[in-house]
Amino acid sequence: MPVNRLYYDDPYLVRFTATLTASAEYDGQPAVALDCTAFYPEGGGQPADHGTLAAAIVLDVQERDGEVWHILDRPINLPAGAVVEGEIDWGRRHDFMQQHHGQHLLSAAFEELLGATTVSVHMGEEICTLDLDRPALEFSEAMAAEELTNEIIWENRPIQARFVDEQELRSLPLRKQPSVDGPIRIVSVQGFDHSPCGGTHPRRTGEVGSVVIRRWERRGQTTRVEFICGRRALHDYRRKNTILSAAASSLSVAAAELPEAIRRLRQAEETSRKALWKAQEQLLAYEAAELVAGAAELPSGARIVTATFAGRSPEQVRLLARLIGERGAIALLGLRGETAQLIFSRPPQLALDVGALLREAVIIVGGRGGGRPEFAQGGGPDVEQLDRALEHARRSAEVRL
C-alpha cells in the first residue's frame, strides 16, 4: 500500500502520528517505514528532512522501490502496527522550501530573459547551484535575472502545488517536461512558471524572501550559477557586512571608500616591494663579490663557490648564483628547506656545462632538474644529502676543467 505523503497536502505540517509498517537496516543504519509521513525524502535536488520519530533522531529519509525509509540514529524497537509520533525539523524544512522555490523562480527568469534552460540543480546545506545550458553569462544578464526573480517574490504571488490530469497537463506552458510516469504534480506561479516537481514549496512567493546570486562560472558548455535565498541571504549579508565594516575600520575609512583605500595600499606595497628587492640586489651583489674573492683558484684559473643556505627564497639564491657567474666564478649553491634545491651557474666565457653537473648531483637528493650549460636548477626530497650532492658537483667540475 503506497505511503501517504502528508507534505504534499500540507508542507507546513510539523507534527504527525503514523503507524509503523516495517523495520529494517538501510546502509547499515536502523530504518523504519510508515503508513504516512510528513518527512520529505531526498529527491529532485532537494535534501531530505530531518527531525525525530518516537525516541529516535531522523538522520535521513530515502525512497526505495516506492517505500519511504526513515533512517534513524537508533532502533525504535516497536512492532509493526505501533503508532509513533514524528516531528520534522521546521527550520531545515522552511530553509529548503525557500531555496527550492527560489530556484524555480530564478530558473524561470533565466529562461524568460535569456532563453537559458536549467539542466541541473543542487541544493546544499550552505549554497545552492543551478547549471544553465550556455557557456557564458554576462554580469548584466545575471543581475537582470536576479532582479526579475525578486520582483516576482515581492509581488507575493500565490503558489499552487497540485496533481493534474492529462488534459490540464497538456494545457500548461511547462518550463520542463515531466521525468516520471504516473500522476504528475505541478508547482505553478500564475503568469510566470509551471514546473513538474515533487518537492516542498511555500504558499506564496513572498515567503522566499529574496534571491541573491553570489557568483557564476563556466563549466564546459554550461554555466554554474551559485545562489542563496531567504534567511541564508540575510545571514550571508550580515557576515559580509561584518567583514566589510572590520576591513574599513582597520584602514580608517568608510565602507564606500574601501576599494580606493585598498588600491592605494596595494600601490604602496608594490612600491615598497620593489624598493626592498632593489636593496636586496645590492646586498647580494656585495655578498657575491665576497664569495668570489674568498673562493680558491683552481689550476685552470677558474674559481668555484660552493655554499648552502637556509631561510632564503629561491629567487634570492638564483640571483646570487647569477651574480657570482657575472663576477667570473662558478656557483654551486644549495638551498635547504622542506626539500633540497640545487642552483648552478657559471661565467659566460667558461666552457663548462653546469646543466650536466646538476643532472648528476640532483640524483643524490632523490630528485630531478635541468637547465642550460650556463645555468641550471633542480631539487629533491632528501635534504640530508644536500652537502654530498654539492661536493659531488664540485669534484665533477674540477675534473672537467
Protein backbone atom coordinates (compact mmCIF):
# COMPACT_ATOMS: atom_id res chain seq x y z
CA MET A 1 0.00 0.00 0.00
CA PRO A 2 1.51 3.39 -1.05
CA VAL A 3 2.63 5.65 1.76
CA ASN A 4 0.51 8.76 2.32
CA ARG A 5 2.87 11.70 1.78
CA LEU A 6 1.46 14.34 4.09
CA TYR A 7 3.83 17.05 2.88
CA TYR A 8 2.03 17.09 -0.47
CA ASP A 9 -1.15 18.41 1.14
CA ASP A 10 0.45 20.48 3.89
CA PRO A 11 4.15 21.39 3.66
CA TYR A 12 3.71 23.33 6.92
CA LEU A 13 2.78 20.21 8.91
CA VAL A 14 5.39 19.80 11.64
CA ARG A 15 3.95 17.08 13.92
CA PHE A 16 2.06 13.95 12.92
CA THR A 17 1.21 10.42 14.03
CA ALA A 18 1.67 7.34 11.87
CA THR A 19 1.58 3.58 12.00
CA LEU A 20 4.86 1.71 11.76
CA THR A 21 4.70 -0.75 8.84
CA ALA A 22 8.25 -2.13 8.66
CA SER A 23 11.68 -2.05 10.31
CA ALA A 24 14.94 -2.79 8.57
CA GLU A 25 18.51 -1.63 8.05
CA TYR A 26 19.33 0.96 5.41
CA ASP A 27 23.03 1.08 4.50
CA GLY A 28 23.90 -0.25 7.95
CA GLN A 29 21.60 2.15 9.87
CA PRO A 30 18.29 1.31 11.57
CA ALA A 31 15.32 2.47 9.49
CA VAL A 32 11.54 2.30 9.56
CA ALA A 33 8.70 2.69 7.09
CA LEU A 34 5.34 4.26 7.97
CA ASP A 35 1.86 4.26 6.53
CA CYS A 36 2.04 8.06 6.27
CA THR A 37 4.79 10.62 6.72
CA ALA A 38 5.45 14.35 6.78
CA PHE A 39 9.16 13.71 6.19
CA TYR A 40 10.30 14.63 2.68
CA PRO A 41 12.69 12.02 1.19
CA GLU A 42 15.70 13.24 -0.75
CA GLY A 43 14.87 13.80 -4.39
CA GLY A 44 14.69 16.30 -7.23
CA GLY A 45 17.78 18.08 -5.95
CA GLN A 46 16.16 18.78 -2.56
CA PRO A 47 17.78 17.19 0.54
CA ALA A 48 15.73 15.12 2.94
CA ASP A 49 14.01 16.40 6.05
CA HIS A 50 15.48 15.75 9.48
CA GLY A 51 13.69 15.55 12.82
CA THR A 52 12.57 13.00 15.38
CA LEU A 53 10.46 9.85 15.29
CA ALA A 54 9.38 8.30 18.58
CA ALA A 55 12.58 8.43 20.67
CA ALA A 56 14.95 8.41 17.67
CA ILE A 57 16.55 11.13 15.60
CA VAL A 58 15.79 11.02 11.88
CA LEU A 59 19.16 11.40 10.17
CA ASP A 60 17.99 10.94 6.59
CA VAL A 61 14.94 9.97 4.55
CA GLN A 62 15.24 7.95 1.35
CA GLU A 63 12.82 6.41 -1.10
CA ARG A 64 13.47 2.90 -2.41
CA ASP A 65 11.11 0.85 -4.55
CA GLY A 66 8.20 3.13 -3.67
CA GLU A 67 8.81 2.84 0.09
CA VAL A 68 9.91 5.82 2.19
CA TRP A 69 12.57 4.80 4.71
CA HIS A 70 13.29 6.96 7.76
CA ILE A 71 16.95 6.37 8.68
CA LEU A 72 17.49 6.68 12.43
CA ASP A 73 20.31 7.13 14.91
CA ARG A 74 18.96 4.19 16.98
CA PRO A 75 16.35 1.44 16.66
CA ILE A 76 12.80 2.25 17.78
CA ASN A 77 12.18 -1.36 18.96
CA LEU A 78 8.43 -1.28 18.30
CA PRO A 79 6.44 -3.90 16.38
CA ALA A 80 4.67 -3.30 13.10
CA GLY A 81 1.30 -1.70 13.77
CA ALA A 82 2.59 0.50 16.60
CA VAL A 83 1.62 4.16 16.47
CA VAL A 84 4.53 6.62 16.56
CA GLU A 85 4.79 10.38 16.68
CA GLY A 86 7.04 12.30 14.32
CA GLU A 87 8.26 15.87 14.24
CA ILE A 88 10.19 17.42 11.42
CA ASP A 89 12.95 19.99 11.87
CA TRP A 90 10.95 23.03 10.77
CA GLY A 91 13.98 25.32 10.44
CA ARG A 92 15.56 22.94 7.93
CA ARG A 93 12.27 22.33 6.09
CA HIS A 94 11.49 26.03 5.75
CA ASP A 95 15.05 26.80 4.62
CA PHE A 96 14.84 24.28 1.80
CA MET A 97 11.35 25.47 0.87
CA GLN A 98 12.87 28.92 0.38
CA GLN A 99 15.87 27.58 -1.59
CA HIS A 100 13.78 25.23 -3.72
CA HIS A 101 11.14 27.70 -4.76
CA GLY A 102 13.76 30.43 -5.20
CA GLN A 103 15.48 28.11 -7.67
CA HIS A 104 12.20 27.63 -9.58
CA LEU A 105 11.78 31.39 -9.91
CA LEU A 106 15.41 32.05 -10.84
CA SER A 107 15.38 29.29 -13.47
CA ALA A 108 12.16 30.73 -14.93
CA ALA A 109 13.73 34.21 -15.00
CA PHE A 110 16.81 32.95 -16.88
CA GLU A 111 14.58 31.20 -19.37
CA GLU A 112 12.27 34.18 -19.89
CA LEU A 113 15.04 36.77 -20.27
CA LEU A 114 17.82 34.76 -21.94
CA GLY A 115 16.20 31.60 -23.26
CA ALA A 116 18.62 29.72 -20.98
CA THR A 117 17.39 26.34 -19.76
CA THR A 118 18.34 24.90 -16.37
CA VAL A 119 19.88 21.47 -16.96
CA SER A 120 20.72 20.52 -13.36
CA VAL A 121 20.18 21.74 -9.80
CA HIS A 122 21.90 21.17 -6.46
CA MET A 123 20.62 22.36 -3.08
CA GLY A 124 23.22 22.06 -0.35
CA GLU A 125 23.33 22.87 3.33
CA GLU A 126 25.08 26.20 2.65
CA ILE A 127 24.86 27.04 -1.03
CA CYS A 128 22.67 26.14 -4.00
CA THR A 129 23.57 25.95 -7.66
CA LEU A 130 21.86 25.64 -11.00
CA ASP A 131 23.53 24.88 -14.32
CA LEU A 132 22.41 26.76 -17.44
CA ASP A 133 22.75 25.34 -20.95
CA ARG A 134 25.04 28.14 -22.12
CA PRO A 135 28.80 28.59 -21.70
CA ALA A 136 28.80 32.29 -20.83
CA LEU A 137 26.84 34.72 -18.67
CA GLU A 138 27.35 38.47 -18.62
CA PHE A 139 27.11 40.46 -15.38
CA SER A 140 24.18 42.47 -16.71
CA GLU A 141 22.33 39.28 -17.68
CA ALA A 142 22.79 37.71 -14.23
CA MET A 143 21.63 40.89 -12.49
CA ALA A 144 18.58 41.17 -14.75
CA ALA A 145 17.55 37.60 -13.88
CA GLU A 146 18.12 38.28 -10.18
CA GLU A 147 16.05 41.48 -10.37
CA LEU A 148 13.14 39.80 -12.16
CA THR A 149 13.18 36.91 -9.68
CA ASN A 150 12.95 39.26 -6.72
CA GLU A 151 10.17 41.28 -8.36
CA ILE A 152 8.08 38.10 -8.56
CA ILE A 153 8.92 37.31 -4.93
CA TRP A 154 7.94 40.78 -3.68
CA GLU A 155 4.70 40.69 -5.63
CA ASN A 156 3.84 37.85 -3.25
CA ARG A 157 2.11 35.81 -5.92
CA PRO A 158 0.26 32.66 -4.85
CA ILE A 159 1.97 29.30 -5.40
CA GLN A 160 -0.17 26.34 -6.39
CA ALA A 161 1.14 22.78 -6.00
CA ARG A 162 -1.21 20.01 -7.15
CA PHE A 163 -1.52 16.80 -9.16
CA VAL A 164 -3.01 17.39 -12.61
CA ASP A 165 -4.79 15.20 -15.12
CA GLU A 166 -3.69 14.69 -18.71
CA GLN A 167 -5.98 17.41 -20.04
CA GLU A 168 -4.68 20.11 -17.70
CA LEU A 169 -1.10 18.96 -18.19
CA ARG A 170 -1.40 19.50 -21.95
CA SER A 171 -2.78 23.00 -21.42
CA LEU A 172 0.08 24.24 -19.23
CA PRO A 173 3.17 26.03 -20.65
CA LEU A 174 5.62 23.82 -18.76
CA ARG A 175 9.18 25.11 -18.27
CA LYS A 176 10.39 21.48 -18.37
CA GLN A 177 8.75 18.18 -19.22
CA PRO A 178 7.96 15.57 -16.53
CA SER A 179 10.66 12.97 -15.93
CA VAL A 180 8.41 10.43 -14.17
CA ASP A 181 5.43 8.30 -15.15
CA GLY A 182 2.08 8.28 -13.39
CA PRO A 183 0.35 11.21 -11.70
CA ILE A 184 2.21 14.47 -12.30
CA ARG A 185 2.48 17.14 -9.62
CA ILE A 186 2.83 20.68 -10.95
CA VAL A 187 4.04 23.70 -9.00
CA SER A 188 2.74 26.93 -10.53
CA VAL A 189 3.23 30.63 -10.09
CA GLN A 190 0.46 32.09 -12.24
CA GLY A 191 1.76 34.02 -15.21
CA PHE A 192 5.40 33.12 -14.60
CA ASP A 193 6.27 29.46 -14.06
CA HIS A 194 4.76 25.98 -14.29
CA SER A 195 7.06 23.08 -13.46
CA PRO A 196 6.65 19.40 -12.54
CA CYS A 197 8.02 18.96 -9.02
CA GLY A 198 7.53 16.69 -6.02
CA GLY A 199 9.28 18.98 -3.53
CA THR A 200 8.02 21.22 -0.75
CA HIS A 201 7.14 24.83 -1.54
CA PRO A 202 5.68 27.80 0.35
CA ARG A 203 2.15 29.08 -0.28
CA ARG A 204 3.23 32.44 -1.70
CA THR A 205 6.37 33.72 -3.41
CA GLY A 206 6.91 36.38 -0.72
CA GLU A 207 7.92 33.67 1.71
CA VAL A 208 11.09 33.06 -0.31
CA GLY A 209 12.22 36.45 1.00
CA SER A 210 14.84 37.20 -1.65
CA VAL A 211 17.21 35.51 -4.07
CA VAL A 212 20.85 36.56 -4.29
CA ILE A 213 23.24 35.36 -7.00
CA ARG A 214 26.65 35.01 -5.38
CA ARG A 215 28.79 34.10 -8.38
CA TRP A 216 28.89 32.07 -11.59
CA GLU A 217 31.49 30.19 -13.60
CA ARG A 218 31.80 28.39 -16.90
CA ARG A 219 31.85 24.60 -16.72
CA GLY A 220 32.42 23.25 -20.22
CA GLN A 221 29.42 24.22 -22.30
CA THR A 222 27.32 25.18 -19.27
CA THR A 223 27.39 27.97 -16.69
CA ARG A 224 27.04 27.15 -12.99
CA VAL A 225 25.21 29.83 -11.01
CA GLU A 226 25.58 29.88 -7.22
CA PHE A 227 22.72 31.45 -5.31
CA ILE A 228 21.08 31.64 -1.88
CA CYS A 229 17.59 32.56 -0.76
CA GLY A 230 15.65 33.83 2.25
CA ARG A 231 17.25 33.52 5.65
CA ARG A 232 20.50 32.33 4.12
CA ALA A 233 20.73 35.56 2.12
CA LEU A 234 20.19 37.57 5.31
CA HIS A 235 22.91 35.65 7.18
CA ASP A 236 25.26 36.00 4.21
CA TYR A 237 24.67 39.76 4.18
CA ARG A 238 25.37 40.03 7.91
CA ARG A 239 28.60 38.04 7.61
CA LYS A 240 29.88 40.05 4.66
CA ASN A 241 28.81 43.35 6.20
CA THR A 242 30.76 42.46 9.35
CA ILE A 243 33.84 41.67 7.26
CA LEU A 244 33.43 44.85 5.23
CA SER A 245 32.99 47.02 8.33
CA ALA A 246 36.02 45.47 10.04
CA ALA A 247 38.18 45.98 6.94
CA ALA A 248 37.05 49.60 6.57
CA SER A 249 37.65 50.25 10.26
CA SER A 250 41.17 48.80 10.10
CA LEU A 251 42.01 51.28 7.31
CA SER A 252 40.15 54.16 8.98
CA VAL A 253 37.87 54.75 6.00
CA ALA A 254 34.15 54.49 5.28
CA ALA A 255 32.94 51.26 3.69
CA ALA A 256 32.31 53.03 0.37
CA GLU A 257 35.93 54.25 0.35
CA LEU A 258 37.37 50.76 0.91
CA PRO A 259 38.12 49.89 -2.77
CA GLU A 260 40.16 53.08 -3.23
CA ALA A 261 41.92 52.55 0.11
CA ILE A 262 42.87 49.00 -0.91
CA ARG A 263 44.13 50.27 -4.27
CA ARG A 264 46.37 52.80 -2.51
CA LEU A 265 47.55 50.17 -0.06
CA ARG A 266 48.47 47.74 -2.84
CA GLN A 267 50.24 50.51 -4.74
CA ALA A 268 52.26 51.40 -1.65
CA GLU A 269 53.04 47.73 -1.05
CA GLU A 270 54.24 47.30 -4.64
CA THR A 271 56.47 50.37 -4.33
CA SER A 272 57.91 49.04 -1.07
CA ARG A 273 58.41 45.59 -2.56
CA LYS A 274 60.35 46.96 -5.50
CA ALA A 275 62.48 49.13 -3.21
CA LEU A 276 63.16 46.16 -0.94
CA TRP A 277 64.16 43.95 -3.85
CA LYS A 278 66.48 46.64 -5.17
CA ALA A 279 68.15 46.83 -1.75
CA GLN A 280 68.40 43.05 -1.66
CA GLU A 281 70.02 43.06 -5.10
CA GLN A 282 72.68 45.47 -3.84
CA LEU A 283 73.35 43.34 -0.76
CA LEU A 284 73.53 40.18 -2.85
CA ALA A 285 75.97 41.87 -5.20
CA TYR A 286 78.27 42.61 -2.23
CA GLU A 287 77.83 39.03 -1.00
CA ALA A 288 78.63 37.62 -4.44
CA ALA A 289 81.79 39.69 -4.63
CA GLU A 290 82.93 38.47 -1.19
CA LEU A 291 82.20 34.83 -2.04
CA VAL A 292 84.15 35.08 -5.32
CA ALA A 293 87.05 36.81 -3.59
CA GLY A 294 87.22 34.08 -0.96
CA ALA A 295 87.00 31.18 -3.42
CA ALA A 296 90.17 29.20 -4.08
CA GLU A 297 91.57 29.40 -7.59
CA LEU A 298 91.89 26.10 -9.48
CA PRO A 299 94.94 25.22 -11.63
CA SER A 300 92.83 26.06 -14.63
CA GLY A 301 92.35 29.59 -13.26
CA ALA A 302 88.61 29.08 -12.56
CA ARG A 303 87.07 29.78 -9.18
CA ILE A 304 84.26 27.68 -7.66
CA VAL A 305 81.90 28.98 -4.97
CA THR A 306 80.15 26.18 -3.08
CA ALA A 307 77.67 27.23 -0.39
CA THR A 308 74.38 26.18 1.23
CA PHE A 309 71.69 28.47 2.57
CA ALA A 310 68.55 28.22 4.70
CA GLY A 311 65.75 30.71 5.28
CA ARG A 312 66.17 32.38 1.92
CA SER A 313 63.83 32.47 -1.03
CA PRO A 314 64.69 30.57 -4.23
CA GLU A 315 64.62 33.93 -6.06
CA GLN A 316 67.38 35.30 -3.82
CA VAL A 317 69.59 32.25 -4.30
CA ARG A 318 69.03 32.25 -8.07
CA LEU A 319 70.07 35.91 -8.25
CA LEU A 320 73.13 35.25 -6.09
CA ALA A 321 74.18 32.41 -8.42
CA ARG A 322 73.85 34.67 -11.47
CA LEU A 323 75.82 37.46 -9.78
CA ILE A 324 78.61 35.02 -8.91
CA GLY A 325 78.71 33.91 -12.54
CA GLU A 326 78.86 37.52 -13.73
CA ARG A 327 81.89 38.02 -11.49
CA GLY A 328 83.80 35.22 -13.16
CA ALA A 329 83.20 32.26 -10.82
CA ILE A 330 81.24 29.03 -10.91
CA ALA A 331 78.33 28.95 -8.41
CA LEU A 332 77.28 25.60 -6.93
CA LEU A 333 74.64 26.69 -4.43
CA GLY A 334 72.22 24.70 -2.29
CA LEU A 335 69.02 25.81 -0.52
CA ARG A 336 67.96 23.80 2.50
CA GLY A 337 64.23 23.81 3.24
CA GLU A 338 61.42 21.29 3.15
CA THR A 339 63.24 19.97 0.10
CA ALA A 340 66.81 20.29 -1.13
CA GLN A 341 67.32 22.69 -4.02
CA LEU A 342 70.39 22.98 -6.22
CA ILE A 343 71.17 26.11 -8.26
CA PHE A 344 74.25 26.15 -10.51
CA SER A 345 75.69 28.95 -12.64
CA ARG A 346 78.95 29.67 -14.50
CA PRO A 347 80.60 32.65 -16.23
CA PRO A 348 79.59 33.24 -19.87
CA GLN A 349 83.16 32.75 -21.13
CA LEU A 350 83.75 29.41 -19.34
CA ALA A 351 83.25 26.16 -21.31
CA LEU A 352 81.54 24.14 -18.58
CA ASP A 353 78.09 22.56 -18.79
CA VAL A 354 76.57 23.14 -15.33
CA GLY A 355 73.36 21.51 -16.57
CA ALA A 356 75.26 18.23 -16.83
CA LEU A 357 76.69 18.77 -13.34
CA LEU A 358 73.23 19.33 -11.94
CA ARG A 359 71.72 16.26 -13.56
CA GLU A 360 74.34 14.15 -11.75
CA ALA A 361 74.03 15.91 -8.39
CA VAL A 362 70.27 16.01 -8.26
CA ILE A 363 70.10 12.21 -8.30
CA ILE A 364 71.83 12.21 -4.91
CA VAL A 365 68.96 14.20 -3.31
CA GLY A 366 66.41 11.93 -4.98
CA GLY A 367 65.03 14.49 -7.39
CA ARG A 368 65.37 15.91 -10.84
CA GLY A 369 66.18 19.14 -12.64
CA GLY A 370 67.76 20.65 -15.68
CA GLY A 371 68.73 23.79 -17.49
CA ARG A 372 71.22 25.27 -19.90
CA PRO A 373 75.02 24.91 -19.88
CA GLU A 374 75.33 28.33 -18.19
CA PHE A 375 72.51 27.99 -15.64
CA ALA A 376 70.59 25.03 -14.15
CA GLN A 377 68.44 24.23 -11.16
CA GLY A 378 66.61 21.30 -9.62
CA GLY A 379 65.78 19.65 -6.33
CA GLY A 380 64.73 16.60 -4.41
CA PRO A 381 63.29 15.46 -1.09
CA ASP A 382 66.47 14.16 0.57
CA VAL A 383 67.69 17.30 2.36
CA GLU A 384 70.28 15.33 4.36
CA GLN A 385 72.21 14.59 1.15
CA LEU A 386 72.43 18.22 0.02
CA ASP A 387 76.07 18.72 1.08
CA ARG A 388 77.12 15.44 -0.55
CA ALA A 389 75.39 16.45 -3.78
CA LEU A 390 77.24 19.79 -3.84
CA GLU A 391 80.59 18.10 -3.12
CA HIS A 392 79.95 15.66 -5.97
CA ALA A 393 79.24 18.56 -8.31
CA ARG A 394 82.40 20.35 -7.21
CA ARG A 395 84.62 17.33 -7.87
CA SER A 396 82.98 16.80 -11.28
CA ALA A 397 83.61 20.44 -12.16
CA GLU A 398 87.27 20.22 -11.18
CA VAL A 399 87.73 17.11 -13.34
CA ARG A 400 86.07 18.76 -16.37
CA LEU A 401 88.10 21.91 -16.02
